[in-house]
Amino acid sequence: MNISPLAVVHPNAQIGENVTIDPFAVIEEDVVIGDNCHIFPHAVIFNGARLGKNCQVFPGAVVAGIPQDLKFKGEVTTAEIGDNTTLRECVTINRGTASKGKTVVGNNCLIMAYSHVAHDCVVKNNVIIGNASQIAGEVEIDDFAIVSGGSLVHQFTRISKHVMIQGGSRIGKDIPPYTLIGRDPIVYCGINIVGLRRRGFSNQQVYQIQDIYRTLYTRGLNNTDALKAIETEYEPSEERDLILSFIKSSKRGIVRGSIDEL
């Protein structure tokens, strides 16, 4: 380990092998830091933080701060960060409340500078959150989603897999999988073709996803009738079933279709 004598590290903190902790970083007692992590100067790792392996926490970032929630009563909760995840300058990730008990950021994520992930959020694997994005409490962001810079995500919102969201978006509805979301106010702008191809989706998979969203957004059907049409007109597949299950389980409703397409 390479721990600067100018860092403040509680002797009971669990520090893995080959961890670098730079000057003026602060590590509290109830903290676990996995192997090969790098904690940069002036980063603060509060009680309840659990960092996986190969993480980088850049200057000014704060992990496991107390939730900004008036219902929080000091309960013991955690903020859990997966392997190979990078938290850039001044990122803040609050720990959980009694609601879920933990805030989770998965593996291989990039949380860019000045972004905030609030209490009880679940950010899954391979997610990118752009600079200065603000993620409110109990939001769920699924694998390979990209939330571009300056976005505002309302509490309890769900963002599904392989989504691409335009910078500066205000997100108050659930975002179904594979979609490209933009404009102001936000609307469905198509599917995330570039992202899907980069991740190895076949032409057949991409065409089916496109057709399903045409049924949902351009045939003049309400959501109930559109879901019935999708179930009867398309063969079962992982992509079809994920779209159906996500929309059926939405409590906030999904983002509306583009006026141009309607």
C-alpha atoms as a PDB file:
ATOM      1  CA  MET A   1       0.000   0.000   0.000  1.00  0.00           C
ATOM      2  CA  ASN A   2       1.025   3.588  -0.659  1.00  0.00           C
ATOM      3  CA  ILE A   3      -0.707   5.680   1.990  1.00  0.00           C
ATOM      4  CA  SER A   4       0.498   9.220   2.404  1.00  0.00           C
ATOM      5  CA  PRO A   5       1.330  10.281   5.961  1.00  0.00           C
ATOM      6  CA  LEU A   6      -0.738  13.388   5.223  1.00  0.00           C
ATOM      7  CA  ALA A   7      -3.893  11.308   4.641  1.00  0.00           C
ATOM      8  CA  VAL A   8      -6.326  10.710   7.496  1.00  0.00           C
ATOM      9  CA  VAL A   9      -7.072   6.980   7.570  1.00  0.00           C
ATOM     10  CA  HIS A  10      -8.862   5.367  10.511  1.00  0.00           C
ATOM     11  CA  PRO A  11      -6.929   2.335  11.774  1.00  0.00           C
ATOM     12  CA  ASN A  12     -10.056   0.157  11.639  1.00  0.00           C
ATOM     13  CA  ALA A  13     -10.784   0.868   7.965  1.00  0.00           C
ATOM     14  CA  GLN A  14     -10.344  -2.227   5.809  1.00  0.00           C
ATOM     15  CA  ILE A  15      -7.854  -1.368   3.093  1.00  0.00           C
ATOM     16  CA  GLY A  16      -7.009  -3.902   0.392  1.00  0.00           C
ATOM     17  CA  GLU A  17      -3.680  -4.604  -1.262  1.00  0.00           C
ATOM     18  CA  ASN A  18      -1.840  -2.146  -3.489  1.00  0.00           C
ATOM     19  CA  VAL A  19      -4.132   0.750  -2.562  1.00  0.00           C
ATOM     20  CA  THR A  20      -2.891   4.314  -3.058  1.00  0.00           C
ATOM     21  CA  ILE A  21      -4.250   7.018  -0.748  1.00  0.00           C
ATOM     22  CA  ASP A  22      -2.963  10.489  -1.555  1.00  0.00           C
ATOM     23  CA  PRO A  23      -2.355  13.449   0.796  1.00  0.00           C
ATOM     24  CA  PHE A  24      -5.355  15.022   2.530  1.00  0.00           C
ATOM     25  CA  ALA A  25      -7.741  12.200   1.675  1.00  0.00           C
ATOM     26  CA  VAL A  26     -10.003  11.152   4.563  1.00  0.00           C
ATOM     27  CA  ILE A  27     -11.025   7.522   5.215  1.00  0.00           C
ATOM     28  CA  GLU A  28     -13.401   6.890   8.142  1.00  0.00           C
ATOM     29  CA  GLU A  29     -13.712   3.781  10.315  1.00  0.00           C
ATOM     30  CA  ASP A  30     -16.530   1.736   8.778  1.00  0.00           C
ATOM     31  CA  VAL A  31     -15.051   1.678   5.289  1.00  0.00           C
ATOM     32  CA  VAL A  32     -13.952  -1.135   2.977  1.00  0.00           C
ATOM     33  CA  ILE A  33     -11.645  -0.358   0.040  1.00  0.00           C
ATOM     34  CA  GLY A  34     -10.777  -3.157  -2.383  1.00  0.00           C
ATOM     35  CA  ASP A  35      -7.433  -3.986  -3.954  1.00  0.00           C
ATOM     36  CA  ASN A  36      -5.697  -1.642  -6.406  1.00  0.00           C
ATOM     37  CA  CYS A  37      -7.875   1.382  -5.683  1.00  0.00           C
ATOM     38  CA  HIS A  38      -6.587   4.939  -5.912  1.00  0.00           C
ATOM     39  CA  ILE A  39      -8.011   7.587  -3.596  1.00  0.00           C
ATOM     40  CA  PHE A  40      -6.879  10.998  -4.823  1.00  0.00           C
ATOM     41  CA  PRO A  41      -6.154  14.103  -2.685  1.00  0.00           C
ATOM     42  CA  HIS A  42      -9.061  15.626  -0.766  1.00  0.00           C
ATOM     43  CA  ALA A  43     -11.438  12.743  -1.490  1.00  0.00           C
ATOM     44  CA  VAL A  44     -13.598  11.821   1.515  1.00  0.00           C
ATOM     45  CA  ILE A  45     -14.758   8.251   2.156  1.00  0.00           C
ATOM     46  CA  PHE A  46     -17.315   8.271   4.968  1.00  0.00           C
ATOM     47  CA  ASN A  47     -18.610   5.467   7.185  1.00  0.00           C
ATOM     48  CA  GLY A  48     -20.664   2.963   5.214  1.00  0.00           C
ATOM     49  CA  ALA A  49     -18.614   3.130   2.025  1.00  0.00           C
ATOM     50  CA  ARG A  50     -17.825  -0.172   0.312  1.00  0.00           C
ATOM     51  CA  LEU A  51     -15.488   0.102  -2.672  1.00  0.00           C
ATOM     52  CA  GLY A  52     -14.665  -2.826  -4.937  1.00  0.00           C
ATOM     53  CA  LYS A  53     -11.366  -3.449  -6.707  1.00  0.00           C
ATOM     54  CA  ASN A  54      -9.606  -1.102  -9.134  1.00  0.00           C
ATOM     55  CA  CYS A  55     -11.723   1.937  -8.296  1.00  0.00           C
ATOM     56  CA  GLN A  56     -10.542   5.530  -8.678  1.00  0.00           C
ATOM     57  CA  VAL A  57     -11.947   8.298  -6.499  1.00  0.00           C
ATOM     58  CA  PHE A  58     -10.775  11.685  -7.787  1.00  0.00           C
ATOM     59  CA  PRO A  59     -10.150  14.891  -5.793  1.00  0.00           C
ATOM     60  CA  GLY A  60     -13.105  16.337  -3.958  1.00  0.00           C
ATOM     61  CA  ALA A  61     -15.341  13.295  -4.409  1.00  0.00           C
ATOM     62  CA  VAL A  62     -17.424  12.241  -1.391  1.00  0.00           C
ATOM     63  CA  VAL A  63     -18.623   8.652  -0.967  1.00  0.00           C
ATOM     64  CA  ALA A  64     -21.274   7.619   1.605  1.00  0.00           C
ATOM     65  CA  GLY A  65     -22.277  11.076   2.745  1.00  0.00           C
ATOM     66  CA  ILE A  66     -25.386  11.300   4.894  1.00  0.00           C
ATOM     67  CA  PRO A  67     -28.563  11.262   2.752  1.00  0.00           C
ATOM     68  CA  GLN A  68     -30.192  14.582   1.940  1.00  0.00           C
ATOM     69  CA  ASP A  69     -33.516  13.219   3.121  1.00  0.00           C
ATOM     70  CA  LEU A  70     -35.444  14.566   6.119  1.00  0.00           C
ATOM     71  CA  LYS A  71     -36.722  11.051   6.850  1.00  0.00           C
ATOM     72  CA  PHE A  72     -33.183   9.857   7.539  1.00  0.00           C
ATOM     73  CA  LYS A  73     -32.757   9.202  11.273  1.00  0.00           C
ATOM     74  CA  GLY A  74     -29.148   8.113  11.443  1.00  0.00           C
ATOM     75  CA  GLU A  75     -29.714   4.452  10.613  1.00  0.00           C
ATOM     76  CA  VAL A  76     -26.700   2.349   9.628  1.00  0.00           C
ATOM     77  CA  THR A  77     -26.652   2.127   5.833  1.00  0.00           C
ATOM     78  CA  THR A  78     -24.101   1.771   3.044  1.00  0.00           C
ATOM     79  CA  ALA A  79     -22.958   3.147  -0.295  1.00  0.00           C
ATOM     80  CA  GLU A  80     -21.593   0.277  -2.376  1.00  0.00           C
ATOM     81  CA  ILE A  81     -19.331   0.824  -5.395  1.00  0.00           C
ATOM     82  CA  GLY A  82     -18.469  -2.051  -7.735  1.00  0.00           C
ATOM     83  CA  ASP A  83     -15.174  -3.026  -9.334  1.00  0.00           C
ATOM     84  CA  ASN A  84     -13.412  -0.874 -11.958  1.00  0.00           C
ATOM     85  CA  THR A  85     -15.613   2.142 -11.321  1.00  0.00           C
ATOM     86  CA  THR A  86     -14.338   5.719 -11.588  1.00  0.00           C
ATOM     87  CA  LEU A  87     -15.722   8.646  -9.616  1.00  0.00           C
ATOM     88  CA  ARG A  88     -14.393  11.891 -11.051  1.00  0.00           C
ATOM     89  CA  GLU A  89     -13.847  15.241  -9.358  1.00  0.00           C
ATOM     90  CA  CYS A  90     -16.435  16.365  -6.791  1.00  0.00           C
ATOM     91  CA  VAL A  91     -18.824  13.455  -7.394  1.00  0.00           C
ATOM     92  CA  THR A  92     -21.117  12.838  -4.405  1.00  0.00           C
ATOM     93  CA  ILE A  93     -22.711   9.477  -3.669  1.00  0.00           C
ATOM     94  CA  ASN A  94     -24.954   9.386  -0.597  1.00  0.00           C
ATOM     95  CA  ARG A  95     -25.542   6.249   1.415  1.00  0.00           C
ATOM     96  CA  GLY A  96     -28.976   4.676   1.741  1.00  0.00           C
ATOM     97  CA  THR A  97     -31.859   5.247   4.127  1.00  0.00           C
ATOM     98  CA  ALA A  98     -34.247   2.862   5.847  1.00  0.00           C
ATOM     99  CA  SER A  99     -36.119   2.617   2.526  1.00  0.00           C
ATOM    100  CA  LYS A 100     -33.554   0.272   0.913  1.00  0.00           C
ATOM    101  CA  GLY A 101     -30.588   0.407   3.244  1.00  0.00           C
ATOM    102  CA  LYS A 102     -28.008   1.048   0.564  1.00  0.00           C
ATOM    103  CA  THR A 103     -27.057   3.024  -2.500  1.00  0.00           C
ATOM    104  CA  VAL A 104     -25.437   0.920  -5.212  1.00  0.00           C
ATOM    105  CA  VAL A 105     -23.193   1.810  -8.141  1.00  0.00           C
ATOM    106  CA  GLY A 106     -22.152  -1.256 -10.131  1.00  0.00           C
ATOM    107  CA  ASN A 107     -19.052  -2.437 -11.967  1.00  0.00           C
ATOM    108  CA  ASN A 108     -17.274  -0.589 -14.793  1.00  0.00           C
ATOM    109  CA  CYS A 109     -19.171   2.656 -14.293  1.00  0.00           C
ATOM    110  CA  LEU A 110     -17.950   6.174 -15.024  1.00  0.00           C
ATOM    111  CA  ILE A 111     -19.513   8.916 -12.922  1.00  0.00           C
ATOM    112  CA  MET A 112     -18.197  12.199 -14.321  1.00  0.00           C
ATOM    113  CA  ALA A 113     -17.292  15.367 -12.440  1.00  0.00           C
ATOM    114  CA  TYR A 114     -19.809  17.180 -10.236  1.00  0.00           C
ATOM    115  CA  SER A 115     -22.482  14.514 -10.593  1.00  0.00           C
ATOM    116  CA  HIS A 116     -24.663  13.461  -7.666  1.00  0.00           C
ATOM    117  CA  VAL A 117     -26.160  10.041  -6.938  1.00  0.00           C
ATOM    118  CA  ALA A 118     -28.672  10.308  -4.117  1.00  0.00           C
ATOM    119  CA  HIS A 119     -29.802   7.888  -1.415  1.00  0.00           C
ATOM    120  CA  ASP A 120     -31.067   4.415  -2.295  1.00  0.00           C
ATOM    121  CA  CYS A 121     -30.299   4.673  -6.010  1.00  0.00           C
ATOM    122  CA  VAL A 122     -29.357   1.557  -7.928  1.00  0.00           C
ATOM    123  CA  VAL A 123     -26.953   2.223 -10.790  1.00  0.00           C
ATOM    124  CA  LYS A 124     -26.073  -1.063 -12.459  1.00  0.00           C
ATOM    125  CA  ASN A 125     -23.060  -2.085 -14.553  1.00  0.00           C
ATOM    126  CA  ASN A 126     -21.314  -0.216 -17.401  1.00  0.00           C
ATOM    127  CA  VAL A 127     -23.287   2.970 -16.828  1.00  0.00           C
ATOM    128  CA  ILE A 128     -21.964   6.417 -17.771  1.00  0.00           C
ATOM    129  CA  ILE A 129     -23.317   9.506 -16.006  1.00  0.00           C
ATOM    130  CA  GLY A 130     -22.125  12.735 -17.633  1.00  0.00           C
ATOM    131  CA  ASN A 131     -20.728  15.833 -15.962  1.00  0.00           C
ATOM    132  CA  ALA A 132     -22.958  17.660 -13.468  1.00  0.00           C
ATOM    133  CA  SER A 133     -25.899  15.268 -13.794  1.00  0.00           C
ATOM    134  CA  GLN A 134     -28.125  15.075 -10.735  1.00  0.00           C
ATOM    135  CA  ILE A 135     -29.715  11.728  -9.885  1.00  0.00           C
ATOM    136  CA  ALA A 136     -32.421  12.017  -7.218  1.00  0.00           C
ATOM    137  CA  GLY A 137     -33.311   9.442  -4.580  1.00  0.00           C
ATOM    138  CA  GLU A 138     -34.345   5.857  -5.388  1.00  0.00           C
ATOM    139  CA  VAL A 139     -33.687   6.150  -9.113  1.00  0.00           C
ATOM    140  CA  GLU A 140     -32.803   2.930 -10.966  1.00  0.00           C
ATOM    141  CA  ILE A 141     -30.426   3.011 -13.950  1.00  0.00           C
ATOM    142  CA  ASP A 142     -29.877  -0.288 -15.745  1.00  0.00           C
ATOM    143  CA  ASP A 143     -26.849  -1.715 -17.570  1.00  0.00           C
ATOM    144  CA  PHE A 144     -25.117   0.235 -20.367  1.00  0.00           C
ATOM    145  CA  ALA A 145     -27.298   3.323 -19.969  1.00  0.00           C
ATOM    146  CA  ILE A 146     -25.721   6.695 -20.764  1.00  0.00           C
ATOM    147  CA  VAL A 147     -27.085   9.798 -19.031  1.00  0.00           C
ATOM    148  CA  SER A 148     -25.384  12.724 -20.740  1.00  0.00           C
ATOM    149  CA  GLY A 149     -24.089  15.808 -18.966  1.00  0.00           C
ATOM    150  CA  GLY A 150     -26.293  18.222 -17.081  1.00  0.00           C
ATOM    151  CA  SER A 151     -29.288  15.882 -16.891  1.00  0.00           C
ATOM    152  CA  LEU A 152     -31.797  16.029 -14.023  1.00  0.00           C
ATOM    153  CA  VAL A 153     -33.448  12.749 -13.022  1.00  0.00           C
ATOM    154  CA  HIS A 154     -36.558  12.872 -10.814  1.00  0.00           C
ATOM    155  CA  GLN A 155     -36.793  10.575  -7.800  1.00  0.00           C
ATOM    156  CA  PHE A 156     -38.183   7.046  -8.323  1.00  0.00           C
ATOM    157  CA  THR A 157     -37.613   7.237 -12.078  1.00  0.00           C
ATOM    158  CA  ARG A 158     -36.325   4.135 -13.886  1.00  0.00           C
ATOM    159  CA  ILE A 159     -33.938   4.210 -16.843  1.00  0.00           C
ATOM    160  CA  SER A 160     -33.635   0.868 -18.609  1.00  0.00           C
ATOM    161  CA  LYS A 161     -30.803  -0.885 -20.458  1.00  0.00           C
ATOM    162  CA  HIS A 162     -28.877   0.482 -23.454  1.00  0.00           C
ATOM    163  CA  VAL A 163     -30.508   3.905 -23.262  1.00  0.00           C
ATOM    164  CA  MET A 164     -28.875   7.107 -24.518  1.00  0.00           C
ATOM    165  CA  ILE A 165     -30.175  10.368 -23.028  1.00  0.00           C
ATOM    166  CA  GLN A 166     -29.340  13.788 -24.448  1.00  0.00           C
ATOM    167  CA  GLY A 167     -27.405  16.233 -22.281  1.00  0.00           C
ATOM    168  CA  GLY A 168     -29.432  18.723 -20.281  1.00  0.00           C
ATOM    169  CA  SER A 169     -32.511  16.494 -20.207  1.00  0.00           C
ATOM    170  CA  ARG A 170     -35.134  16.698 -17.467  1.00  0.00           C
ATOM    171  CA  ILE A 171     -36.284  13.147 -16.828  1.00  0.00           C
ATOM    172  CA  GLY A 172     -39.558  12.643 -14.974  1.00  0.00           C
ATOM    173  CA  LYS A 173     -40.895   9.563 -16.758  1.00  0.00           C
ATOM    174  CA  ASP A 174     -39.518   6.043 -17.070  1.00  0.00           C
ATOM    175  CA  ILE A 175     -37.214   5.480 -20.049  1.00  0.00           C
ATOM    176  CA  PRO A 176     -37.781   2.106 -21.780  1.00  0.00           C
ATOM    177  CA  PRO A 177     -34.860  -0.017 -23.032  1.00  0.00           C
ATOM    178  CA  TYR A 178     -32.809   0.543 -26.189  1.00  0.00           C
ATOM    179  CA  THR A 179     -34.132   4.067 -26.752  1.00  0.00           C
ATOM    180  CA  LEU A 180     -32.628   7.402 -27.743  1.00  0.00           C
ATOM    181  CA  ILE A 181     -34.148  10.227 -25.705  1.00  0.00           C
ATOM    182  CA  GLY A 182     -33.820  13.955 -26.273  1.00  0.00           C
ATOM    183  CA  ARG A 183     -35.367  17.380 -26.927  1.00  0.00           C
ATOM    184  CA  ASP A 184     -37.072  19.607 -24.369  1.00  0.00           C
ATOM    185  CA  PRO A 185     -39.371  18.366 -22.980  1.00  0.00           C
ATOM    186  CA  ILE A 186     -37.922  14.930 -23.574  1.00  0.00           C
ATOM    187  CA  VAL A 187     -39.468  12.551 -26.097  1.00  0.00           C
ATOM    188  CA  TYR A 188     -38.629   9.247 -27.746  1.00  0.00           C
ATOM    189  CA  CYS A 189     -36.328  10.027 -30.698  1.00  0.00           C
ATOM    190  CA  GLY A 190     -35.689   6.524 -31.998  1.00  0.00           C
ATOM    191  CA  ILE A 191     -33.607   3.625 -30.804  1.00  0.00           C
ATOM    192  CA  ASN A 192     -29.986   3.763 -29.716  1.00  0.00           C
ATOM    193  CA  ILE A 193     -28.668   2.146 -32.904  1.00  0.00           C
ATOM    194  CA  VAL A 194     -25.035   3.213 -32.434  1.00  0.00           C
ATOM    195  CA  GLY A 195     -24.911   1.851 -28.902  1.00  0.00           C
ATOM    196  CA  LEU A 196     -26.624  -1.403 -29.843  1.00  0.00           C
ATOM    197  CA  ARG A 197     -24.247  -2.068 -32.731  1.00  0.00           C
ATOM    198  CA  ARG A 198     -21.237  -1.321 -30.548  1.00  0.00           C
ATOM    199  CA  ARG A 199     -22.474  -3.960 -28.118  1.00  0.00           C
ATOM    200  CA  GLY A 200     -22.936  -6.640 -30.760  1.00  0.00           C
ATOM    201  CA  PHE A 201     -26.666  -6.570 -31.448  1.00  0.00           C
ATOM    202  CA  SER A 202     -27.456  -8.220 -34.786  1.00  0.00           C
ATOM    203  CA  ASN A 203     -29.387  -6.566 -37.621  1.00  0.00           C
ATOM    204  CA  GLN A 204     -32.340  -8.819 -36.843  1.00  0.00           C
ATOM    205  CA  GLN A 205     -32.382  -7.721 -33.203  1.00  0.00           C
ATOM    206  CA  VAL A 206     -32.108  -4.041 -34.154  1.00  0.00           C
ATOM    207  CA  TYR A 207     -34.919  -4.309 -36.741  1.00  0.00           C
ATOM    208  CA  GLN A 208     -37.212  -6.048 -34.274  1.00  0.00           C
ATOM    209  CA  ILE A 209     -36.592  -3.382 -31.628  1.00  0.00           C
ATOM    210  CA  GLN A 210     -37.337  -0.640 -34.186  1.00  0.00           C
ATOM    211  CA  ASP A 211     -40.570  -2.318 -35.265  1.00  0.00           C
ATOM    212  CA  ILE A 212     -41.724  -2.780 -31.689  1.00  0.00           C
ATOM    213  CA  TYR A 213     -41.281   0.928 -30.965  1.00  0.00           C
ATOM    214  CA  ARG A 214     -43.083   1.864 -34.172  1.00  0.00           C
ATOM    215  CA  THR A 215     -46.013  -0.155 -32.881  1.00  0.00           C
ATOM    216  CA  LEU A 216     -45.800   1.558 -29.521  1.00  0.00           C
ATOM    217  CA  TYR A 217     -45.363   5.133 -30.713  1.00  0.00           C
ATOM    218  CA  THR A 218     -46.558   5.576 -34.320  1.00  0.00           C
ATOM    219  CA  ARG A 219     -49.681   3.458 -34.857  1.00  0.00           C
ATOM    220  CA  GLY A 220     -52.002   5.670 -32.848  1.00  0.00           C
ATOM    221  CA  LEU A 221     -52.620   3.010 -30.181  1.00  0.00           C
ATOM    222  CA  ASN A 222     -52.862   3.666 -26.484  1.00  0.00           C
ATOM    223  CA  ASN A 223     -50.292   1.855 -24.362  1.00  0.00           C
ATOM    224  CA  THR A 224     -52.620  -0.996 -23.416  1.00  0.00           C
ATOM    225  CA  ASP A 225     -53.542  -1.776 -27.017  1.00  0.00           C
ATOM    226  CA  ALA A 226     -49.949  -1.304 -28.181  1.00  0.00           C
ATOM    227  CA  LEU A 227     -48.694  -3.816 -25.631  1.00  0.00           C
ATOM    228  CA  LYS A 228     -51.307  -6.341 -26.744  1.00  0.00           C
ATOM    229  CA  ALA A 229     -50.267  -5.825 -30.362  1.00  0.00           C
ATOM    230  CA  ILE A 230     -46.601  -6.312 -29.499  1.00  0.00           C
ATOM    231  CA  GLU A 231     -47.369  -9.536 -27.635  1.00  0.00           C
ATOM    232  CA  THR A 232     -49.352 -11.004 -30.517  1.00  0.00           C
ATOM    233  CA  GLU A 233     -47.409  -9.710 -33.534  1.00  0.00           C
ATOM    234  CA  TYR A 234     -43.806 -10.356 -32.472  1.00  0.00           C
ATOM    235  CA  GLU A 235     -42.132 -13.621 -31.610  1.00  0.00           C
ATOM    236  CA  PRO A 236     -40.850 -13.894 -28.029  1.00  0.00           C
ATOM    237  CA  SER A 237     -37.273 -12.693 -27.622  1.00  0.00           C
ATOM    238  CA  GLU A 238     -35.137 -11.225 -24.874  1.00  0.00           C
ATOM    239  CA  GLU A 239     -35.546  -7.760 -26.391  1.00  0.00           C
ATOM    240  CA  ARG A 240     -39.324  -7.964 -26.874  1.00  0.00           C
ATOM    241  CA  ASP A 241     -39.866  -9.401 -23.402  1.00  0.00           C
ATOM    242  CA  LEU A 242     -37.713  -6.755 -21.724  1.00  0.00           C
ATOM    243  CA  ILE A 243     -39.636  -3.940 -23.428  1.00  0.00           C
ATOM    244  CA  LEU A 244     -42.969  -5.456 -22.442  1.00  0.00           C
ATOM    245  CA  SER A 245     -42.033  -6.151 -18.832  1.00  0.00           C
ATOM    246  CA  PHE A 246     -40.506  -2.709 -18.355  1.00  0.00           C
ATOM    247  CA  ILE A 247     -43.536  -0.832 -19.667  1.00  0.00           C
ATOM    248  CA  LYS A 248     -46.024  -3.027 -17.794  1.00  0.00           C
ATOM    249  CA  SER A 249     -44.181  -2.482 -14.511  1.00  0.00           C
ATOM    250  CA  SER A 250     -43.832   1.291 -14.913  1.00  0.00           C
ATOM    251  CA  LYS A 251     -45.476   3.264 -12.121  1.00  0.00           C
ATOM    252  CA  ARG A 252     -44.588   6.728 -13.426  1.00  0.00           C
ATOM    253  CA  GLY A 253     -45.481   6.061 -17.057  1.00  0.00           C
ATOM    254  CA  ILE A 254     -43.026   6.090 -19.939  1.00  0.00           C
ATOM    255  CA  VAL A 255     -41.653   8.956 -22.001  1.00  0.00           C
ATOM    256  CA  ARG A 256     -43.996  10.053 -24.782  1.00  0.00           C
ATOM    257  CA  GLY A 257     -43.383   9.704 -28.509  1.00  0.00           C
ATOM    258  CA  SER A 258     -41.984  12.411 -30.747  1.00  0.00           C
ATOM    259  CA  ILE A 259     -44.578  14.788 -32.200  1.00  0.00           C
ATOM    260  CA  ASP A 260     -42.792  14.522 -35.553  1.00  0.00           C
ATOM    261  CA  GLU A 261     -43.364  10.791 -35.640  1.00  0.00           C
ATOM    262  CA  LEU A 262     -46.968  10.998 -34.508  1.00  0.00           C
END
